[in-house]
Amino acid sequence: MKLGMHSNADCFISRSTFANMNTSEPVTYFIIEGLKDKYMILFSVFLTIYVLILGGNGMIIYLVRTDPKLNSPMYFFLHNLSFCDMIYTSTTIPNMLSGFLVDVKTISKAGCFAQMYIFLSMAVTGRSLLTVMAFDRYLAICHPLRYTSVMTRWIRYVLIFLAWLFGWFIPFPAMILALPLPFCGPNVVKHIFCDHTSLVRLACTDTSKNNVVSLTFALFAIISTFLLILASYICIGKAMSKMGSAERLKAAATCVSHLIVVCISYVSASCVYISYRVATFDPDVRVIIAVLYSVLTPLLNPFIYSLRNKELQDAMKRAFCRSSTISYGPRKTLPSISP
């Protein structure tokens, strides 16, 4: 069953009419093509995924901010990662869902560039935060005696600031080069949101410089963060090899959730890169892979960390007990009336 809201025949304007309206003057808006077949099942699936992302990551933020036992640097960084994931998915999924409900999904030029920049910056910030979390695990396992003195509150804020600054800086050159590009039509973005590659391709001028700059900075962000994470885990592995079996299991338990998230993030990014480089990929399949990549890590993060972390599980139980106490309140006993 397909979704689609059609007006009367005399008022309906087709997608091709919209696309050709701006061929003689500068483009002021773009049309998000999305998927060719708008099935209700896809709308339901992505709506459910979005609700789970907001609920799961919102739960982690609430627990870290309200439970005094979750005051370690690891949970402080996890709290920031959850906040980043919520912004990351909220930039694209609501617009994508609205695209399932209308025949022609339009977005202003300014809105399209804003969506593109926030999406790219949050993607890079997420990897920066994973790198900071790897460094935190390295300090905790390789230098446990110095961990408290090194990972002070001030150092935590500096690391978080640098992670967010790195995320906002990496897509900035590509954004600066894309803003002055002339768009004179067509204005149909062949994606489910304002993807940089799909958007720059619409410019009516040579964009080879844009492609080189965006690819260079994207590769720098992915490779640099991956190498730093890899270096941290190599050092962790060397330190664990010198521990006893009990200490080794305890150290591994603190790293496994983060390592799973890192693997999912970088493997899914590789799949998206391959899908864009293989010409035989169906366009709709390529778009679905890109969307799944953007929602996979934010969706799985809360489940991976909560299912494998006893402290988070205990914090959830305490939060549930607090909410139950507030809801029902203490029982009041009425004084007995003596005859």
Protein backbone atom coordinates (compact mmCIF):
# COMPACT_ATOMS: atom_id res chain seq x y z
CA MET A 1 0.00 0.00 0.00
CA LYS A 2 1.45 3.36 -1.01
CA LEU A 3 1.25 6.65 0.77
CA GLY A 4 0.50 9.86 -1.08
CA MET A 5 -1.71 12.90 -0.68
CA HIS A 6 -3.07 14.10 -4.00
CA SER A 7 -5.10 17.23 -4.54
CA ASN A 8 -7.68 17.71 -7.29
CA ALA A 9 -6.49 17.16 -10.86
CA ASP A 10 -6.67 20.87 -11.79
CA CYS A 11 -4.60 21.84 -8.71
CA PHE A 12 -2.04 19.05 -8.91
CA ILE A 13 1.45 20.06 -10.03
CA SER A 14 3.67 17.20 -11.08
CA ARG A 15 7.24 16.69 -9.95
CA SER A 16 8.55 17.45 -13.43
CA THR A 17 6.68 20.77 -13.49
CA PHE A 18 8.30 21.78 -10.19
CA ALA A 19 11.70 20.69 -11.44
CA ASN A 20 11.48 22.78 -14.59
CA MET A 21 10.10 25.97 -13.04
CA ASN A 22 13.53 27.37 -12.17
CA THR A 23 15.51 26.54 -15.32
CA SER A 24 15.68 30.20 -16.41
CA GLU A 25 16.40 31.82 -13.03
CA PRO A 26 18.43 30.98 -9.89
CA VAL A 27 17.06 28.12 -7.82
CA THR A 28 15.45 29.20 -4.55
CA TYR A 29 14.30 25.75 -3.37
CA PHE A 30 15.03 22.10 -4.00
CA ILE A 31 12.85 19.04 -4.44
CA ILE A 32 13.81 15.99 -2.40
CA GLU A 33 13.13 13.08 -4.72
CA GLY A 34 13.30 10.40 -2.03
CA LEU A 35 12.28 6.88 -2.88
CA LYS A 36 10.38 6.27 -6.09
CA ASP A 37 7.95 3.89 -4.37
CA LYS A 38 6.50 5.30 -1.15
CA TYR A 39 5.30 2.29 0.80
CA MET A 40 3.49 2.52 4.11
CA ILE A 41 5.73 -0.18 5.58
CA LEU A 42 8.81 2.05 5.10
CA PHE A 43 7.06 4.98 6.77
CA SER A 44 6.12 2.76 9.72
CA VAL A 45 9.62 1.26 9.97
CA PHE A 46 11.44 4.60 9.97
CA LEU A 47 8.91 6.18 12.34
CA THR A 48 9.44 3.30 14.78
CA ILE A 49 13.22 3.61 14.43
CA TYR A 50 13.07 7.35 15.11
CA VAL A 51 10.93 6.87 18.22
CA LEU A 52 13.35 4.21 19.51
CA ILE A 53 16.34 6.50 18.85
CA LEU A 54 14.79 9.40 20.75
CA GLY A 55 13.57 7.16 23.57
CA GLY A 56 16.79 5.17 24.00
CA ASN A 57 19.23 8.06 23.78
CA GLY A 58 16.93 10.30 25.81
CA MET A 59 16.87 7.62 28.51
CA ILE A 60 20.70 7.58 28.66
CA ILE A 61 20.84 11.38 28.91
CA TYR A 62 18.23 11.38 31.69
CA LEU A 63 19.98 8.64 33.67
CA VAL A 64 23.43 10.25 33.45
CA ARG A 65 22.10 13.65 34.46
CA THR A 66 19.94 12.44 37.37
CA ASP A 67 21.76 9.43 38.83
CA PRO A 68 24.73 10.42 41.05
CA LYS A 69 26.33 6.99 40.61
CA LEU A 70 26.81 7.64 36.88
CA ASN A 71 29.26 10.48 37.35
CA SER A 72 32.35 8.84 35.81
CA PRO A 73 33.96 10.30 32.65
CA MET A 74 32.78 7.31 30.59
CA TYR A 75 29.12 8.16 31.19
CA PHE A 76 29.78 11.86 30.66
CA PHE A 77 31.13 11.06 27.17
CA LEU A 78 28.29 8.60 26.51
CA HIS A 79 25.80 11.31 27.46
CA ASN A 80 27.34 13.59 24.80
CA LEU A 81 27.29 10.81 22.20
CA SER A 82 23.58 10.23 22.83
CA PHE A 83 22.86 13.95 22.48
CA CYS A 84 24.85 14.05 19.22
CA ASP A 85 22.94 11.03 17.87
CA MET A 86 19.60 12.68 18.61
CA ILE A 87 20.57 15.82 16.68
CA TYR A 88 22.08 13.70 13.90
CA THR A 89 18.90 11.75 13.23
CA SER A 90 16.50 14.66 13.90
CA THR A 91 18.17 16.57 11.06
CA THR A 92 17.00 14.10 8.43
CA ILE A 93 14.38 11.59 9.60
CA PRO A 94 11.45 14.00 10.24
CA ASN A 95 11.90 15.52 6.77
CA MET A 96 12.20 12.05 5.29
CA LEU A 97 8.98 10.94 6.99
CA SER A 98 7.11 13.97 5.73
CA GLY A 99 8.32 13.08 2.24
CA PHE A 100 6.35 9.83 2.47
CA LEU A 101 3.14 11.80 3.06
CA VAL A 102 3.30 14.25 0.16
CA ASP A 103 3.79 13.81 -3.56
CA VAL A 104 6.37 16.61 -3.90
CA LYS A 105 8.71 17.34 -0.98
CA THR A 106 10.34 20.77 -1.25
CA ILE A 107 12.93 22.49 0.94
CA SER A 108 14.32 26.01 0.73
CA LYS A 109 17.88 26.54 -0.47
CA ALA A 110 18.97 27.85 2.94
CA GLY A 111 17.22 24.96 4.70
CA CYS A 112 18.86 22.44 2.39
CA PHE A 113 22.36 23.79 3.08
CA ALA A 114 21.66 23.95 6.82
CA GLN A 115 20.47 20.35 6.83
CA MET A 116 23.53 19.24 4.86
CA TYR A 117 25.99 21.01 7.19
CA ILE A 118 24.39 19.85 10.45
CA PHE A 119 24.14 16.28 9.18
CA LEU A 120 27.82 16.16 8.17
CA SER A 121 29.04 17.90 11.32
CA MET A 122 27.10 15.54 13.59
CA ALA A 123 28.45 12.53 11.69
CA VAL A 124 32.02 13.70 12.28
CA THR A 125 31.30 14.70 15.88
CA GLY A 126 30.00 11.20 16.60
CA ARG A 127 33.30 9.69 15.49
CA SER A 128 35.22 12.29 17.47
CA LEU A 129 33.30 11.32 20.60
CA LEU A 130 34.00 7.64 19.96
CA THR A 131 37.69 8.58 19.75
CA VAL A 132 37.52 10.45 23.06
CA MET A 133 35.80 7.44 24.65
CA ALA A 134 38.59 5.17 23.35
CA PHE A 135 41.17 7.50 24.92
CA ASP A 136 39.23 7.36 28.19
CA ARG A 137 39.34 3.54 28.15
CA TYR A 138 43.07 3.67 27.35
CA LEU A 139 43.75 5.83 30.40
CA ALA A 140 41.54 3.74 32.69
CA ILE A 141 43.15 0.43 31.71
CA CYS A 142 46.76 1.36 30.90
CA HIS A 143 47.23 4.03 33.59
CA PRO A 144 44.70 3.23 36.35
CA LEU A 145 46.71 4.93 39.11
CA ARG A 146 46.92 8.19 37.16
CA TYR A 147 43.42 8.04 35.71
CA THR A 148 41.67 10.16 38.35
CA SER A 149 44.37 12.84 38.37
CA VAL A 150 44.52 13.04 34.56
CA MET A 151 40.81 12.77 33.67
CA THR A 152 39.68 15.75 35.73
CA ARG A 153 36.46 17.63 35.12
CA TRP A 154 38.37 20.35 33.26
CA ILE A 155 40.02 17.78 30.97
CA ARG A 156 36.62 16.21 30.26
CA TYR A 157 35.20 19.55 29.09
CA VAL A 158 38.31 20.24 26.98
CA LEU A 159 38.02 16.86 25.25
CA ILE A 160 34.31 17.35 24.60
CA PHE A 161 34.93 20.87 23.27
CA LEU A 162 37.64 19.61 20.91
CA ALA A 163 35.42 16.76 19.71
CA TRP A 164 32.53 19.10 18.86
CA LEU A 165 34.91 21.69 17.36
CA PHE A 166 36.44 19.03 15.12
CA GLY A 167 32.97 17.95 14.04
CA TRP A 168 31.89 21.49 13.15
CA PHE A 169 35.18 22.31 11.38
CA ILE A 170 35.61 19.31 9.04
CA PRO A 171 32.54 19.99 6.80
CA PHE A 172 33.06 23.76 6.93
CA PRO A 173 35.42 24.06 3.87
CA ALA A 174 33.04 22.00 1.73
CA MET A 175 30.13 24.15 2.92
CA ILE A 176 31.97 27.40 2.11
CA LEU A 177 32.75 26.16 -1.40
CA ALA A 178 29.19 24.94 -1.99
CA LEU A 179 27.35 28.08 -0.86
CA PRO A 180 28.33 30.34 -3.81
CA LEU A 181 27.69 27.67 -6.44
CA PRO A 182 25.13 28.75 -9.07
CA PHE A 183 22.05 26.56 -9.23
CA CYS A 184 20.01 27.29 -12.33
CA GLY A 185 18.10 24.03 -12.67
CA PRO A 186 17.16 21.24 -12.46
CA ASN A 187 16.58 21.34 -8.73
CA VAL A 188 15.69 17.72 -7.88
CA VAL A 189 17.98 16.24 -5.20
CA LYS A 190 18.16 12.52 -5.93
CA HIS A 191 18.34 11.47 -2.33
CA ILE A 192 16.11 11.25 0.73
CA PHE A 193 17.71 14.36 2.30
CA CYS A 194 20.13 17.11 1.23
CA ASP A 195 23.18 14.94 0.67
CA HIS A 196 26.35 16.90 -0.24
CA THR A 197 27.22 14.84 -3.32
CA SER A 198 23.66 14.87 -4.67
CA LEU A 199 23.33 18.62 -4.05
CA VAL A 200 26.64 19.76 -5.56
CA ARG A 201 25.91 17.69 -8.65
CA LEU A 202 23.02 20.06 -9.46
CA ALA A 203 25.28 23.11 -9.77
CA CYS A 204 25.56 24.48 -13.32
CA THR A 205 29.33 24.90 -13.15
CA ASP A 206 32.46 22.82 -12.66
CA THR A 207 32.42 21.22 -9.18
CA SER A 208 35.63 19.17 -9.34
CA LYS A 209 37.23 21.40 -6.68
CA ASN A 210 34.24 20.84 -4.38
CA ASN A 211 34.49 17.08 -4.82
CA VAL A 212 38.23 17.00 -4.08
CA VAL A 213 37.94 19.20 -0.97
CA SER A 214 34.93 17.36 0.47
CA LEU A 215 36.50 13.94 -0.15
CA THR A 216 39.85 15.02 1.34
CA PHE A 217 38.33 16.33 4.56
CA ALA A 218 35.94 13.37 4.85
CA LEU A 219 38.78 10.87 4.48
CA PHE A 220 40.89 12.83 6.97
CA ALA A 221 38.08 12.72 9.54
CA ILE A 222 37.39 9.00 9.08
CA ILE A 223 41.01 7.83 8.87
CA SER A 224 42.37 10.04 11.67
CA THR A 225 39.68 9.04 14.16
CA PHE A 226 39.97 5.38 13.18
CA LEU A 227 43.77 5.38 13.62
CA LEU A 228 43.49 7.05 17.04
CA ILE A 229 40.91 4.49 18.16
CA LEU A 230 43.06 1.68 16.76
CA ALA A 231 46.15 2.98 18.57
CA SER A 232 44.20 3.19 21.84
CA TYR A 233 43.05 -0.43 21.56
CA ILE A 234 46.50 -1.68 20.59
CA CYS A 235 47.83 -0.15 23.81
CA ILE A 236 44.88 -1.60 25.72
CA GLY A 237 45.56 -5.03 24.24
CA LYS A 238 49.21 -4.88 25.26
CA ALA A 239 48.26 -3.85 28.80
CA MET A 240 45.65 -6.63 29.05
CA SER A 241 48.17 -9.26 27.94
CA LYS A 242 50.16 -8.56 31.13
CA MET A 243 47.13 -8.88 33.43
CA GLY A 244 45.75 -11.89 35.21
CA SER A 245 42.66 -13.64 33.86
CA ALA A 246 40.26 -11.94 36.29
CA GLU A 247 41.66 -8.46 35.61
CA ARG A 248 41.67 -9.15 31.89
CA LEU A 249 37.99 -10.09 31.89
CA LYS A 250 37.11 -7.01 33.94
CA ALA A 251 39.04 -4.71 31.56
CA ALA A 252 37.50 -6.34 28.51
CA ALA A 253 34.00 -5.88 29.93
CA THR A 254 34.53 -2.10 30.08
CA CYS A 255 35.61 -1.97 26.42
CA VAL A 256 33.37 -4.42 24.59
CA SER A 257 30.34 -2.12 24.23
CA HIS A 258 32.43 0.74 22.84
CA LEU A 259 34.29 -1.63 20.50
CA ILE A 260 31.01 -3.03 19.11
CA VAL A 261 29.71 0.51 18.42
CA VAL A 262 32.99 1.48 16.71
CA CYS A 263 32.89 -1.61 14.48
CA ILE A 264 29.26 -1.00 13.48
CA SER A 265 29.96 2.67 12.74
CA TYR A 266 32.98 2.14 10.51
CA VAL A 267 31.71 -1.01 8.76
CA SER A 268 28.42 0.72 7.86
CA ALA A 269 30.36 3.77 6.61
CA SER A 270 32.41 1.46 4.37
CA CYS A 271 29.21 -0.07 2.97
CA VAL A 272 27.88 3.39 2.07
CA TYR A 273 31.19 4.29 0.38
CA ILE A 274 31.10 1.08 -1.66
CA SER A 275 27.48 1.62 -2.70
CA TYR A 276 28.37 5.07 -4.07
CA ARG A 277 31.36 3.71 -6.01
CA VAL A 278 29.57 0.70 -7.61
CA ALA A 279 27.60 1.90 -10.63
CA THR A 280 25.36 -1.19 -10.77
CA PHE A 281 23.71 -0.36 -7.45
CA ASP A 282 20.02 0.51 -7.78
CA PRO A 283 19.51 4.20 -6.79
CA ASP A 284 16.76 3.31 -4.32
CA VAL A 285 18.95 0.62 -2.72
CA ARG A 286 21.79 3.14 -2.44
CA VAL A 287 19.50 5.64 -0.74
CA ILE A 288 18.18 3.03 1.71
CA ILE A 289 21.76 1.97 2.57
CA ALA A 290 22.67 5.60 3.25
CA VAL A 291 19.63 6.08 5.48
CA LEU A 292 20.25 2.85 7.38
CA TYR A 293 23.84 3.96 7.92
CA SER A 294 22.65 7.24 9.39
CA VAL A 295 20.23 5.56 11.83
CA LEU A 296 22.01 2.28 12.63
CA THR A 297 24.54 3.49 15.22
CA PRO A 298 22.16 5.94 16.99
CA LEU A 299 19.57 3.15 17.18
CA LEU A 300 21.89 0.46 18.53
CA ASN A 301 23.96 2.61 20.93
CA PRO A 302 21.44 2.64 23.81
CA PHE A 303 20.74 -1.09 23.50
CA ILE A 304 24.42 -2.06 23.30
CA TYR A 305 25.44 0.06 26.28
CA SER A 306 22.41 -0.73 28.44
CA LEU A 307 22.33 -4.48 27.78
CA ARG A 308 26.02 -4.95 28.52
CA ASN A 309 26.37 -2.45 31.36
CA LYS A 310 25.21 -3.41 34.84
CA GLU A 311 25.58 0.15 36.16
CA LEU A 312 23.17 1.47 33.53
CA GLN A 313 20.76 -1.38 34.24
CA ASP A 314 20.85 -0.59 37.95
CA ALA A 315 20.35 3.11 37.20
CA MET A 316 17.27 2.26 35.12
CA LYS A 317 15.86 0.22 38.02
CA ARG A 318 16.48 3.09 40.44
CA ALA A 319 14.83 5.56 38.05
CA PHE A 320 11.83 3.25 37.70
CA CYS A 321 11.55 2.94 41.47
CA ARG A 322 11.72 6.72 41.86
CA SER A 323 9.02 7.27 39.26
CA SER A 324 6.82 4.61 40.90
CA THR A 325 7.25 6.26 44.28
CA ILE A 326 6.34 9.66 42.86
CA SER A 327 3.33 8.26 40.96
CA TYR A 328 1.77 6.39 43.81
CA GLY A 329 3.18 8.42 46.68
CA PRO A 330 3.30 7.27 50.28
CA ARG A 331 0.22 5.58 51.62
CA LYS A 332 -1.79 7.68 53.98
CA THR A 333 -3.54 6.06 56.91
CA LEU A 334 -6.78 7.55 58.10
CA PRO A 335 -7.16 7.91 61.86
CA SER A 336 -9.64 5.48 63.30
CA ILE A 337 -12.82 6.93 64.74
CA SER A 338 -13.60 5.47 68.10
CA PRO A 339 -17.31 4.94 68.84
